[in-house]
């Protein structure tokens, strides 16, 4: 799932000392909150399906008793994603200096986003990277937004339905058969940056 990749990216931000907020979902794009922040938005019309990529199997698991440990890959879904990268430089007294500061901050955040994506997905598991600055007036009140577009490889696996782990015994019957409404799932998870570089996870109701 794209959510799994974004979670790894968020942890990589914190491990590298980057305090940018990391969100997923289009509902966060239009917020005029304070940068720096990166919002990952799945693109509804951009997915493609192709033959499976070669992945390292997990040896020693019995597929009859542990079906999730070493599943067979049937195909690869190349899921299309946009990363809305919003950065703002340190406040300056001159407009030209402010623009230069904003671009410097944006360059650093773009680099961190690509670097984190590389470590989260691997070079063979993301592709078609392109992008451009967002110039619509009124949406961005300060700083600059850069939209990075790419595809992430999501394997289609031969696994049983969600009654089995890791979703929990009988989870499907209790929750309507989707991972998004399993017990304990909250609508928003944020991480506060700590001076030690270790993220503190705060689950908001």
Protein backbone atom coordinates (compact mmCIF):
# COMPACT_ATOMS: atom_id res chain seq x y z
CA UNK A 1 0.00 0.00 0.00
CA UNK A 2 1.07 3.60 -0.63
CA UNK A 3 0.46 4.25 3.07
CA UNK A 4 3.26 1.85 3.98
CA UNK A 5 5.72 3.72 1.75
CA UNK A 6 4.67 7.09 3.21
CA UNK A 7 5.18 5.77 6.73
CA UNK A 8 8.77 4.81 5.86
CA UNK A 9 9.30 8.23 4.25
CA UNK A 10 8.04 9.95 7.40
CA UNK A 11 10.47 7.97 9.56
CA UNK A 12 13.32 8.79 7.16
CA UNK A 13 12.50 12.51 7.47
CA UNK A 14 12.76 12.27 11.25
CA UNK A 15 15.94 10.18 11.18
CA UNK A 16 17.57 12.86 9.01
CA UNK A 17 16.40 15.69 11.28
CA UNK A 18 13.85 17.08 8.80
CA UNK A 19 10.91 18.57 10.74
CA UNK A 20 8.50 18.78 7.77
CA UNK A 21 4.98 17.52 8.39
CA UNK A 22 4.16 14.45 6.26
CA UNK A 23 0.53 13.79 5.31
CA UNK A 24 -1.32 11.56 2.86
CA UNK A 25 -4.60 12.40 1.15
CA UNK A 26 -6.00 15.25 -0.99
CA UNK A 27 -7.84 16.77 1.97
CA UNK A 28 -4.53 18.14 3.27
CA UNK A 29 -3.44 19.89 0.05
CA UNK A 30 -5.61 22.98 0.38
CA UNK A 31 -4.80 23.69 4.02
CA UNK A 32 -3.07 27.04 4.49
CA UNK A 33 -1.06 25.68 7.39
CA UNK A 34 2.54 26.54 8.06
CA UNK A 35 5.24 24.93 5.90
CA UNK A 36 7.41 22.87 5.69
CA UNK A 37 5.15 19.99 4.77
CA UNK A 38 4.83 17.23 2.17
CA UNK A 39 1.44 15.84 1.19
CA UNK A 40 1.26 12.59 -0.79
CA UNK A 41 -1.83 12.33 -2.99
CA UNK A 42 -2.77 9.14 -4.91
CA UNK A 43 -3.68 9.96 -8.53
CA UNK A 44 -6.97 8.26 -9.41
CA UNK A 45 -6.35 7.84 -13.14
CA UNK A 46 -2.65 7.02 -13.26
CA UNK A 47 -2.25 3.39 -12.12
CA UNK A 48 -0.94 0.71 -14.48
CA UNK A 49 -0.64 -3.08 -14.04
CA UNK A 50 2.32 -5.04 -15.38
CA UNK A 51 4.04 -8.41 -14.83
CA UNK A 52 5.50 -8.86 -11.34
CA UNK A 53 8.90 -7.52 -10.39
CA UNK A 54 11.49 -9.88 -8.96
CA UNK A 55 11.46 -9.63 -5.17
CA UNK A 56 13.51 -11.37 -2.50
CA UNK A 57 11.39 -14.19 -1.03
CA UNK A 58 11.25 -15.00 2.64
CA UNK A 59 12.46 -18.56 3.07
CA UNK A 60 11.36 -21.02 5.71
CA UNK A 61 7.65 -20.14 5.86
CA UNK A 62 4.92 -22.68 5.28
CA UNK A 63 2.39 -21.14 2.87
CA UNK A 64 -0.38 -23.33 4.33
CA UNK A 65 0.03 -22.10 7.91
CA UNK A 66 1.70 -18.72 7.28
CA UNK A 67 0.22 -17.48 3.98
CA UNK A 68 1.48 -13.91 4.42
CA UNK A 69 5.14 -14.81 4.99
CA UNK A 70 6.07 -15.75 1.43
CA UNK A 71 3.19 -15.00 -0.98
CA UNK A 72 3.48 -15.34 -4.74
CA UNK A 73 3.47 -12.06 -6.67
CA UNK A 74 0.88 -12.13 -9.47
CA UNK A 75 1.46 -8.66 -10.91
CA UNK A 76 2.79 -5.20 -10.10
CA UNK A 77 0.48 -2.23 -9.71
CA UNK A 78 2.40 0.94 -10.56
CA UNK A 79 0.44 3.34 -8.35
CA UNK A 80 0.53 6.98 -9.44
CA UNK A 81 1.26 9.51 -6.70
CA UNK A 82 1.82 13.26 -6.41
CA UNK A 83 3.97 14.70 -3.62
CA UNK A 84 3.05 18.34 -2.89
CA UNK A 85 6.25 19.73 -1.39
CA UNK A 86 5.72 23.04 0.41
CA UNK A 87 8.69 25.00 1.76
CA UNK A 88 9.33 28.53 2.99
CA UNK A 89 12.67 30.15 3.77
CA UNK A 90 13.62 32.22 6.79
CA UNK A 91 11.79 35.59 6.79
CA UNK A 92 13.68 38.32 4.89
CA UNK A 93 13.13 42.09 4.65
CA UNK A 94 13.55 42.19 0.86
CA UNK A 95 11.21 40.43 -1.61
CA UNK A 96 14.03 39.19 -3.82
CA UNK A 97 15.92 37.83 -0.82
CA UNK A 98 12.71 36.16 0.39
CA UNK A 99 12.25 34.44 -2.97
CA UNK A 100 15.85 33.23 -2.89
CA UNK A 101 15.38 31.93 0.66
CA UNK A 102 12.15 30.16 -0.33
CA UNK A 103 13.83 28.49 -3.30
CA UNK A 104 16.74 27.35 -1.14
CA UNK A 105 14.33 25.83 1.39
CA UNK A 106 12.34 24.19 -1.40
CA UNK A 107 15.50 22.69 -2.90
CA UNK A 108 16.44 21.14 0.42
CA UNK A 109 12.95 19.69 0.98
CA UNK A 110 12.74 18.35 -2.59
CA UNK A 111 16.09 16.63 -2.08
CA UNK A 112 14.95 15.12 1.23
CA UNK A 113 11.69 13.90 -0.34
CA UNK A 114 13.44 12.18 -3.25
CA UNK A 115 16.07 10.71 -0.95
CA UNK A 116 13.42 9.33 1.40
CA UNK A 117 11.44 7.92 -1.52
CA UNK A 118 14.58 6.18 -2.74
CA UNK A 119 15.14 4.48 0.61
CA UNK A 120 11.45 3.66 1.09
CA UNK A 121 10.80 2.11 -2.33
CA UNK A 122 14.19 1.31 -3.82
CA UNK A 123 15.39 2.52 -7.21
CA UNK A 124 13.68 -0.36 -9.02
CA UNK A 125 10.34 0.26 -7.33
CA UNK A 126 9.59 3.87 -8.26
CA UNK A 127 9.75 5.51 -11.69
CA UNK A 128 8.50 8.22 -14.05
CA UNK A 129 9.61 11.02 -11.75
CA UNK A 130 8.69 14.49 -13.00
CA UNK A 131 7.45 17.71 -11.47
CA UNK A 132 6.89 21.43 -11.52
CA UNK A 133 6.11 24.39 -9.28
CA UNK A 134 2.53 25.17 -8.35
CA UNK A 135 1.70 28.73 -9.37
CA UNK A 136 -2.06 29.07 -8.68
CA UNK A 137 -2.65 32.26 -6.68
CA UNK A 138 -4.54 32.01 -3.41
CA UNK A 139 -3.66 28.39 -2.66
CA UNK A 140 -0.20 29.12 -1.28
CA UNK A 141 -0.04 32.11 1.05
CA UNK A 142 3.69 31.88 1.71
CA UNK A 143 6.69 30.01 0.33
CA UNK A 144 6.65 27.77 -2.77
CA UNK A 145 4.96 24.45 -3.58
CA UNK A 146 6.57 21.93 -5.92
CA UNK A 147 4.50 18.96 -7.17
CA UNK A 148 6.59 15.81 -7.75
CA UNK A 149 4.84 13.08 -9.78
CA UNK A 150 5.93 9.44 -9.77
CA UNK A 151 4.77 5.82 -9.66
CA UNK A 152 5.40 3.32 -6.84
CA UNK A 153 5.42 -0.43 -7.37
CA UNK A 154 2.75 -2.13 -5.25
CA UNK A 155 2.78 -5.95 -5.59
CA UNK A 156 -0.44 -7.86 -6.23
CA UNK A 157 -0.06 -10.94 -4.00
CA UNK A 158 -1.65 -14.36 -3.91
CA UNK A 159 -2.90 -14.23 -0.33
CA UNK A 160 -6.15 -15.24 1.39
CA UNK A 161 -8.82 -12.78 2.45
CA UNK A 162 -8.32 -10.64 5.55
CA UNK A 163 -9.63 -13.14 8.11
CA UNK A 164 -6.00 -14.28 8.43
CA UNK A 165 -3.11 -12.36 10.11
CA UNK A 166 -1.82 -9.67 10.06
CA UNK A 167 -5.35 -8.27 10.24
CA UNK A 168 -6.36 -10.46 13.16
CA UNK A 169 -8.67 -13.43 13.54
CA UNK A 170 -12.24 -12.67 12.37
CA UNK A 171 -11.32 -9.02 11.73
CA UNK A 172 -13.16 -9.02 8.42
CA UNK A 173 -16.46 -10.14 9.91
CA UNK A 174 -16.27 -7.42 12.55
CA UNK A 175 -15.16 -4.48 10.42
CA UNK A 176 -16.64 -4.80 6.93
CA UNK A 177 -13.63 -6.37 5.20
CA UNK A 178 -11.43 -3.29 4.71
CA UNK A 179 -8.13 -2.44 6.34
CA UNK A 180 -9.15 1.22 6.79
CA UNK A 181 -11.79 0.49 9.43
CA UNK A 182 -10.02 -2.20 11.43
CA UNK A 183 -10.11 -1.81 15.23
CA UNK A 184 -7.67 0.82 16.42
CA UNK A 185 -7.35 2.68 13.11
CA UNK A 186 -7.56 6.45 13.62
CA UNK A 187 -8.23 9.06 10.93
CA UNK A 188 -4.99 10.95 11.43
CA UNK A 189 -1.54 10.15 12.77
CA UNK A 190 1.03 12.90 13.26
CA UNK A 191 4.58 12.83 14.52
CA UNK A 192 6.21 15.53 16.58
CA UNK A 193 9.91 16.05 15.95
CA UNK A 194 12.05 15.53 19.03
CA UNK A 195 15.60 16.91 19.50
CA UNK A 196 16.89 13.33 19.76
CA UNK A 197 15.68 12.62 16.23
CA UNK A 198 13.30 9.95 17.52
CA UNK A 199 9.69 10.52 16.40
CA UNK A 200 6.94 10.60 18.98
CA UNK A 201 3.75 9.21 17.47
CA UNK A 202 0.55 10.95 18.52
CA UNK A 203 -2.73 9.33 17.46
CA UNK A 204 -5.50 11.90 17.17
CA UNK A 205 -9.18 10.88 17.45
